[in-house]
Amino acid sequence: MKKHAKDAIIESFKELVSRKSLDRVTVKEICDHCGVNRQSFYNHFSDIMAVFKTIFYEELSHEIAQNRTFETWGGGFLATMNYTKRNSKMILHIYNSSYWPETDTYLTHLSSRLLDCVVDQCVKELNVQLKEADRKFIVNFYRHVFNGLMIDWVSEGMEEEPEIILKRLLIMIRGSIPRSVEAFVKADIK
C-alpha cells in the first residue's frame, strides 16, 4: 500500500501541474485528487517540490546516468530535452511559478554533478593534473551553456525539436571539453 500511495501522489501531482501553475496546487488538493490522507503524503515527501524532484530524478536518472562521459554526454542532454518536451505542460507550469528558483537550483546542482563526471573522466583519459579551480571553471562554463540553452528553449515554448538543438550544440562544442582541459593544464594559471 505504501508504494501505491507514493505512485498515486506522483501521478496526481503530474496531472494537476499539467493543468495549472504549481503555485495553485496544494498538498490538500493532491491528496484529495488521489485519495490519500495528508499523513501519507508527508510519509513520502517533505513538500510539493520534493514530489517534483522525485519525479525528475526517477524518470530521468537511468537515461542520464549512462551518458556521463565526454563521448556520450549528448545522449543525456537529448534525454533531458525529450523528457522536458514530453512533459511540457508540467514543466511550463513549474517554470512560470514561484517555485522556479528552487527548481533552477536543483537542476543546476544536477547538471554540475553530471558535468563533474564528464570532466573528471576527461582528465583521467588525458592523464593530466587539473587544478580544482580550473576544473570548477570548466564545469561551470559548460553548465551555463547547457542550462542556458534548456531554459531559453523552455521559455520559448519548446517548439524546436531537441535533436536539432543537439546537432547545433555539437557543431559548437564537439571536442571542446578535452581541449578546455588540455588548455587549462598548459596555461597553468596562477
C-alpha atoms as a PDB file:
ATOM      1  CA  MET A   1       0.000   0.000   0.000  1.00  0.00           C
ATOM      2  CA  LYS A   2       2.896   2.380   0.740  1.00  0.00           C
ATOM      3  CA  LYS A   3       4.275   2.152  -2.795  1.00  0.00           C
ATOM      4  CA  HIS A   4       0.768   2.588  -4.159  1.00  0.00           C
ATOM      5  CA  ALA A   5       0.266   5.816  -2.170  1.00  0.00           C
ATOM      6  CA  LYS A   6       3.573   7.250  -3.377  1.00  0.00           C
ATOM      7  CA  ASP A   7       2.750   6.409  -7.002  1.00  0.00           C
ATOM      8  CA  ALA A   8      -0.753   7.874  -6.636  1.00  0.00           C
ATOM      9  CA  ILE A   9       0.681  11.111  -5.214  1.00  0.00           C
ATOM     10  CA  ILE A  10       3.178  11.368  -8.063  1.00  0.00           C
ATOM     11  CA  GLU A  11       0.530  10.776 -10.724  1.00  0.00           C
ATOM     12  CA  SER A  12      -1.821  13.295  -9.117  1.00  0.00           C
ATOM     13  CA  PHE A  13       0.962  15.880  -8.922  1.00  0.00           C
ATOM     14  CA  LYS A  14       1.790  15.393 -12.616  1.00  0.00           C
ATOM     15  CA  GLU A  15      -1.841  15.632 -13.660  1.00  0.00           C
ATOM     16  CA  LEU A  16      -2.596  18.708 -11.560  1.00  0.00           C
ATOM     17  CA  VAL A  17       0.579  20.578 -12.542  1.00  0.00           C
ATOM     18  CA  SER A  18      -0.113  19.772 -16.183  1.00  0.00           C
ATOM     19  CA  ARG A  19      -3.395  21.676 -15.822  1.00  0.00           C
ATOM     20  CA  LYS A  20      -2.329  24.711 -13.777  1.00  0.00           C
ATOM     21  CA  SER A  21       0.554  26.588 -12.205  1.00  0.00           C
ATOM     22  CA  LEU A  22       2.407  24.855  -9.415  1.00  0.00           C
ATOM     23  CA  ASP A  23       1.606  27.930  -7.295  1.00  0.00           C
ATOM     24  CA  ARG A  24      -2.051  26.914  -7.374  1.00  0.00           C
ATOM     25  CA  VAL A  25      -1.524  23.249  -6.406  1.00  0.00           C
ATOM     26  CA  THR A  26      -1.707  22.355  -2.716  1.00  0.00           C
ATOM     27  CA  VAL A  27      -0.851  19.251  -0.724  1.00  0.00           C
ATOM     28  CA  LYS A  28      -4.537  19.004   0.217  1.00  0.00           C
ATOM     29  CA  GLU A  29      -5.543  19.100  -3.454  1.00  0.00           C
ATOM     30  CA  ILE A  30      -3.028  16.394  -4.373  1.00  0.00           C
ATOM     31  CA  CYS A  31      -4.286  14.209  -1.501  1.00  0.00           C
ATOM     32  CA  ASP A  32      -7.943  14.754  -2.407  1.00  0.00           C
ATOM     33  CA  HIS A  33      -7.212  14.044  -6.077  1.00  0.00           C
ATOM     34  CA  CYS A  34      -5.563  10.681  -5.405  1.00  0.00           C
ATOM     35  CA  GLY A  35      -7.500   9.635  -2.317  1.00  0.00           C
ATOM     36  CA  VAL A  36      -4.677   9.547   0.238  1.00  0.00           C
ATOM     37  CA  ASN A  37      -4.503  11.426   3.517  1.00  0.00           C
ATOM     38  CA  ARG A  38      -2.016  14.206   4.304  1.00  0.00           C
ATOM     39  CA  GLN A  39      -0.005  11.937   6.592  1.00  0.00           C
ATOM     40  CA  SER A  40       0.556   9.534   3.687  1.00  0.00           C
ATOM     41  CA  PHE A  41       1.798  12.464   1.625  1.00  0.00           C
ATOM     42  CA  TYR A  42       4.258  13.501   4.347  1.00  0.00           C
ATOM     43  CA  ASN A  43       5.378   9.893   4.853  1.00  0.00           C
ATOM     44  CA  HIS A  44       6.777  10.054   1.314  1.00  0.00           C
ATOM     45  CA  PHE A  45       7.514  13.738   0.644  1.00  0.00           C
ATOM     46  CA  SER A  46       8.569  16.723   2.727  1.00  0.00           C
ATOM     47  CA  ASP A  47       6.783  19.207   0.476  1.00  0.00           C
ATOM     48  CA  ILE A  48       5.463  19.767  -3.046  1.00  0.00           C
ATOM     49  CA  MET A  49       8.923  20.378  -4.545  1.00  0.00           C
ATOM     50  CA  ALA A  50      10.081  17.024  -3.180  1.00  0.00           C
ATOM     51  CA  VAL A  51       7.468  15.396  -5.419  1.00  0.00           C
ATOM     52  CA  PHE A  52       8.857  17.168  -8.498  1.00  0.00           C
ATOM     53  CA  LYS A  53      12.453  16.279  -7.570  1.00  0.00           C
ATOM     54  CA  THR A  54      11.468  12.631  -7.122  1.00  0.00           C
ATOM     55  CA  ILE A  55       9.693  12.570 -10.474  1.00  0.00           C
ATOM     56  CA  PHE A  56      12.548  14.261 -12.309  1.00  0.00           C
ATOM     57  CA  TYR A  57      15.193  12.064 -10.686  1.00  0.00           C
ATOM     58  CA  GLU A  58      13.353   8.761 -11.073  1.00  0.00           C
ATOM     59  CA  GLU A  59      12.181   9.354 -14.634  1.00  0.00           C
ATOM     60  CA  LEU A  60      15.484  10.677 -15.957  1.00  0.00           C
ATOM     61  CA  SER A  61      18.229   9.207 -13.781  1.00  0.00           C
ATOM     62  CA  HIS A  62      18.669   5.959 -15.716  1.00  0.00           C
ATOM     63  CA  GLU A  63      18.955   7.687 -19.096  1.00  0.00           C
ATOM     64  CA  ILE A  64      21.298  10.386 -17.833  1.00  0.00           C
ATOM     65  CA  ALA A  65      23.423   8.050 -15.700  1.00  0.00           C
ATOM     66  CA  GLN A  66      24.589   6.126 -18.742  1.00  0.00           C
ATOM     67  CA  ASN A  67      25.621   9.346 -20.526  1.00  0.00           C
ATOM     68  CA  ARG A  68      28.205  10.820 -18.150  1.00  0.00           C
ATOM     69  CA  THR A  69      31.324  10.674 -20.277  1.00  0.00           C
ATOM     70  CA  PHE A  70      32.699  13.203 -22.710  1.00  0.00           C
ATOM     71  CA  GLU A  71      31.827  10.837 -25.562  1.00  0.00           C
ATOM     72  CA  THR A  72      28.208  10.270 -24.517  1.00  0.00           C
ATOM     73  CA  TRP A  73      27.044  13.445 -22.707  1.00  0.00           C
ATOM     74  CA  GLY A  74      24.938  14.374 -25.761  1.00  0.00           C
ATOM     75  CA  GLY A  75      22.673  11.409 -25.049  1.00  0.00           C
ATOM     76  CA  GLY A  76      21.983  12.734 -21.558  1.00  0.00           C
ATOM     77  CA  PHE A  77      21.311  16.233 -22.900  1.00  0.00           C
ATOM     78  CA  LEU A  78      18.932  14.835 -25.523  1.00  0.00           C
ATOM     79  CA  ALA A  79      17.176  12.596 -22.959  1.00  0.00           C
ATOM     80  CA  THR A  80      16.633  15.625 -20.720  1.00  0.00           C
ATOM     81  CA  MET A  81      15.238  17.708 -23.590  1.00  0.00           C
ATOM     82  CA  ASN A  82      12.953  14.897 -24.776  1.00  0.00           C
ATOM     83  CA  TYR A  83      11.680  14.371 -21.220  1.00  0.00           C
ATOM     84  CA  THR A  84      11.049  18.106 -20.908  1.00  0.00           C
ATOM     85  CA  LYS A  85       9.141  18.186 -24.196  1.00  0.00           C
ATOM     86  CA  ARG A  86       7.030  15.109 -23.314  1.00  0.00           C
ATOM     87  CA  ASN A  87       6.099  16.813 -20.044  1.00  0.00           C
ATOM     88  CA  SER A  88       5.934  20.332 -21.477  1.00  0.00           C
ATOM     89  CA  LYS A  89       2.738  21.458 -19.745  1.00  0.00           C
ATOM     90  CA  MET A  90       4.029  20.397 -16.341  1.00  0.00           C
ATOM     91  CA  ILE A  91       7.462  21.959 -16.983  1.00  0.00           C
ATOM     92  CA  LEU A  92       5.964  25.255 -18.209  1.00  0.00           C
ATOM     93  CA  HIS A  93       3.682  25.445 -15.173  1.00  0.00           C
ATOM     94  CA  ILE A  94       6.718  24.953 -12.932  1.00  0.00           C
ATOM     95  CA  TYR A  95       8.842  27.384 -14.959  1.00  0.00           C
ATOM     96  CA  ASN A  96       6.150  30.076 -14.661  1.00  0.00           C
ATOM     97  CA  SER A  97       5.665  29.569 -10.914  1.00  0.00           C
ATOM     98  CA  SER A  98       7.282  30.977  -7.794  1.00  0.00           C
ATOM     99  CA  TYR A  99       8.897  27.542  -7.397  1.00  0.00           C
ATOM    100  CA  TRP A 100      11.161  28.133 -10.416  1.00  0.00           C
ATOM    101  CA  PRO A 101      14.173  29.474  -8.431  1.00  0.00           C
ATOM    102  CA  GLU A 102      14.184  26.324  -6.277  1.00  0.00           C
ATOM    103  CA  THR A 103      13.755  24.162  -9.371  1.00  0.00           C
ATOM    104  CA  ASP A 104      16.577  26.014 -11.135  1.00  0.00           C
ATOM    105  CA  THR A 105      18.871  25.473  -8.133  1.00  0.00           C
ATOM    106  CA  TYR A 106      18.060  21.753  -8.162  1.00  0.00           C
ATOM    107  CA  LEU A 107      18.705  21.461 -11.920  1.00  0.00           C
ATOM    108  CA  THR A 108      21.933  23.459 -11.575  1.00  0.00           C
ATOM    109  CA  HIS A 109      23.147  21.050  -8.896  1.00  0.00           C
ATOM    110  CA  LEU A 110      22.178  18.052 -11.028  1.00  0.00           C
ATOM    111  CA  SER A 111      23.927  19.470 -14.116  1.00  0.00           C
ATOM    112  CA  SER A 112      27.054  20.259 -12.128  1.00  0.00           C
ATOM    113  CA  ARG A 113      27.224  16.701 -10.766  1.00  0.00           C
ATOM    114  CA  LEU A 114      26.876  15.234 -14.258  1.00  0.00           C
ATOM    115  CA  LEU A 115      29.476  17.576 -15.731  1.00  0.00           C
ATOM    116  CA  ASP A 116      31.834  16.829 -12.829  1.00  0.00           C
ATOM    117  CA  CYS A 117      31.791  13.209 -14.002  1.00  0.00           C
ATOM    118  CA  VAL A 118      32.409  14.210 -17.628  1.00  0.00           C
ATOM    119  CA  VAL A 119      35.341  16.495 -16.782  1.00  0.00           C
ATOM    120  CA  ASP A 120      36.835  14.034 -14.275  1.00  0.00           C
ATOM    121  CA  GLN A 121      36.675  11.245 -16.847  1.00  0.00           C
ATOM    122  CA  CYS A 122      38.264  13.533 -19.423  1.00  0.00           C
ATOM    123  CA  VAL A 123      41.120  14.399 -17.024  1.00  0.00           C
ATOM    124  CA  LYS A 124      41.659  10.698 -16.340  1.00  0.00           C
ATOM    125  CA  GLU A 125      41.649   9.761 -20.057  1.00  0.00           C
ATOM    126  CA  LEU A 126      44.090  12.566 -20.865  1.00  0.00           C
ATOM    127  CA  ASN A 127      46.234  11.519 -17.886  1.00  0.00           C
ATOM    128  CA  VAL A 128      46.739  15.093 -16.685  1.00  0.00           C
ATOM    129  CA  GLN A 129      46.513  17.025 -13.431  1.00  0.00           C
ATOM    130  CA  LEU A 130      43.942  19.830 -13.383  1.00  0.00           C
ATOM    131  CA  LYS A 131      43.738  22.405 -10.621  1.00  0.00           C
ATOM    132  CA  GLU A 132      40.473  22.355  -8.704  1.00  0.00           C
ATOM    133  CA  ALA A 133      39.713  25.994  -9.558  1.00  0.00           C
ATOM    134  CA  ASP A 134      40.200  25.241 -13.271  1.00  0.00           C
ATOM    135  CA  ARG A 135      38.039  22.109 -13.072  1.00  0.00           C
ATOM    136  CA  LYS A 136      35.264  24.115 -11.404  1.00  0.00           C
ATOM    137  CA  PHE A 137      35.554  26.829 -14.051  1.00  0.00           C
ATOM    138  CA  ILE A 138      35.194  24.295 -16.879  1.00  0.00           C
ATOM    139  CA  VAL A 139      32.219  22.593 -15.203  1.00  0.00           C
ATOM    140  CA  ASN A 140      30.514  25.939 -14.556  1.00  0.00           C
ATOM    141  CA  PHE A 141      31.117  27.151 -18.107  1.00  0.00           C
ATOM    142  CA  TYR A 142      29.526  24.094 -19.724  1.00  0.00           C
ATOM    143  CA  ARG A 143      26.728  24.035 -17.136  1.00  0.00           C
ATOM    144  CA  HIS A 144      25.843  27.603 -18.104  1.00  0.00           C
ATOM    145  CA  VAL A 145      25.862  26.640 -21.783  1.00  0.00           C
ATOM    146  CA  PHE A 146      23.660  23.564 -21.334  1.00  0.00           C
ATOM    147  CA  ASN A 147      21.262  25.029 -18.759  1.00  0.00           C
ATOM    148  CA  GLY A 148      21.043  28.312 -20.668  1.00  0.00           C
ATOM    149  CA  LEU A 149      20.055  26.520 -23.853  1.00  0.00           C
ATOM    150  CA  MET A 150      17.467  24.463 -21.983  1.00  0.00           C
ATOM    151  CA  ILE A 151      15.966  27.443 -20.166  1.00  0.00           C
ATOM    152  CA  ASP A 152      15.797  29.549 -23.333  1.00  0.00           C
ATOM    153  CA  TRP A 153      14.149  26.638 -25.142  1.00  0.00           C
ATOM    154  CA  VAL A 154      11.580  26.202 -22.355  1.00  0.00           C
ATOM    155  CA  SER A 155      10.848  29.928 -22.182  1.00  0.00           C
ATOM    156  CA  GLU A 156      10.284  29.970 -25.957  1.00  0.00           C
ATOM    157  CA  GLY A 157       7.676  27.199 -25.711  1.00  0.00           C
ATOM    158  CA  MET A 158       9.846  24.160 -26.632  1.00  0.00           C
ATOM    159  CA  GLU A 159       8.893  24.360 -30.294  1.00  0.00           C
ATOM    160  CA  GLU A 160      12.245  23.451 -31.828  1.00  0.00           C
ATOM    161  CA  GLU A 161      12.970  19.722 -31.907  1.00  0.00           C
ATOM    162  CA  PRO A 162      15.540  18.571 -29.318  1.00  0.00           C
ATOM    163  CA  GLU A 163      17.577  16.723 -31.965  1.00  0.00           C
ATOM    164  CA  ILE A 164      18.082  19.969 -33.919  1.00  0.00           C
ATOM    165  CA  ILE A 165      19.295  21.815 -30.818  1.00  0.00           C
ATOM    166  CA  LEU A 166      21.698  18.965 -30.015  1.00  0.00           C
ATOM    167  CA  LYS A 167      23.068  18.990 -33.583  1.00  0.00           C
ATOM    168  CA  ARG A 168      23.718  22.731 -33.325  1.00  0.00           C
ATOM    169  CA  LEU A 169      25.282  22.312 -29.905  1.00  0.00           C
ATOM    170  CA  LEU A 170      27.567  19.543 -31.142  1.00  0.00           C
ATOM    171  CA  ILE A 171      28.765  21.761 -34.004  1.00  0.00           C
ATOM    172  CA  MET A 172      29.697  24.418 -31.460  1.00  0.00           C
ATOM    173  CA  ILE A 173      31.409  22.308 -28.812  1.00  0.00           C
ATOM    174  CA  ARG A 174      32.445  18.960 -30.293  1.00  0.00           C
ATOM    175  CA  GLY A 175      35.712  18.055 -28.597  1.00  0.00           C
ATOM    176  CA  SER A 176      35.823  21.283 -26.641  1.00  0.00           C
ATOM    177  CA  ILE A 177      35.757  19.742 -23.153  1.00  0.00           C
ATOM    178  CA  PRO A 178      39.002  17.792 -23.724  1.00  0.00           C
ATOM    179  CA  ARG A 179      40.510  20.875 -25.437  1.00  0.00           C
ATOM    180  CA  SER A 180      39.486  23.005 -22.453  1.00  0.00           C
ATOM    181  CA  VAL A 181      41.114  20.600 -20.001  1.00  0.00           C
ATOM    182  CA  GLU A 182      44.323  20.493 -22.049  1.00  0.00           C
ATOM    183  CA  ALA A 183      44.384  24.285 -22.443  1.00  0.00           C
ATOM    184  CA  PHE A 184      43.962  24.883 -18.706  1.00  0.00           C
ATOM    185  CA  VAL A 185      46.717  22.370 -17.906  1.00  0.00           C
ATOM    186  CA  LYS A 186      49.082  24.122 -20.360  1.00  0.00           C
ATOM    187  CA  ALA A 187      48.121  27.635 -19.234  1.00  0.00           C
ATOM    188  CA  ASP A 188      48.924  26.901 -15.584  1.00  0.00           C
ATOM    189  CA  ILE A 189      47.029  29.956 -14.335  1.00  0.00           C
ATOM    190  CA  LYS A 190      48.393  31.213 -11.019  1.00  0.00           C
END
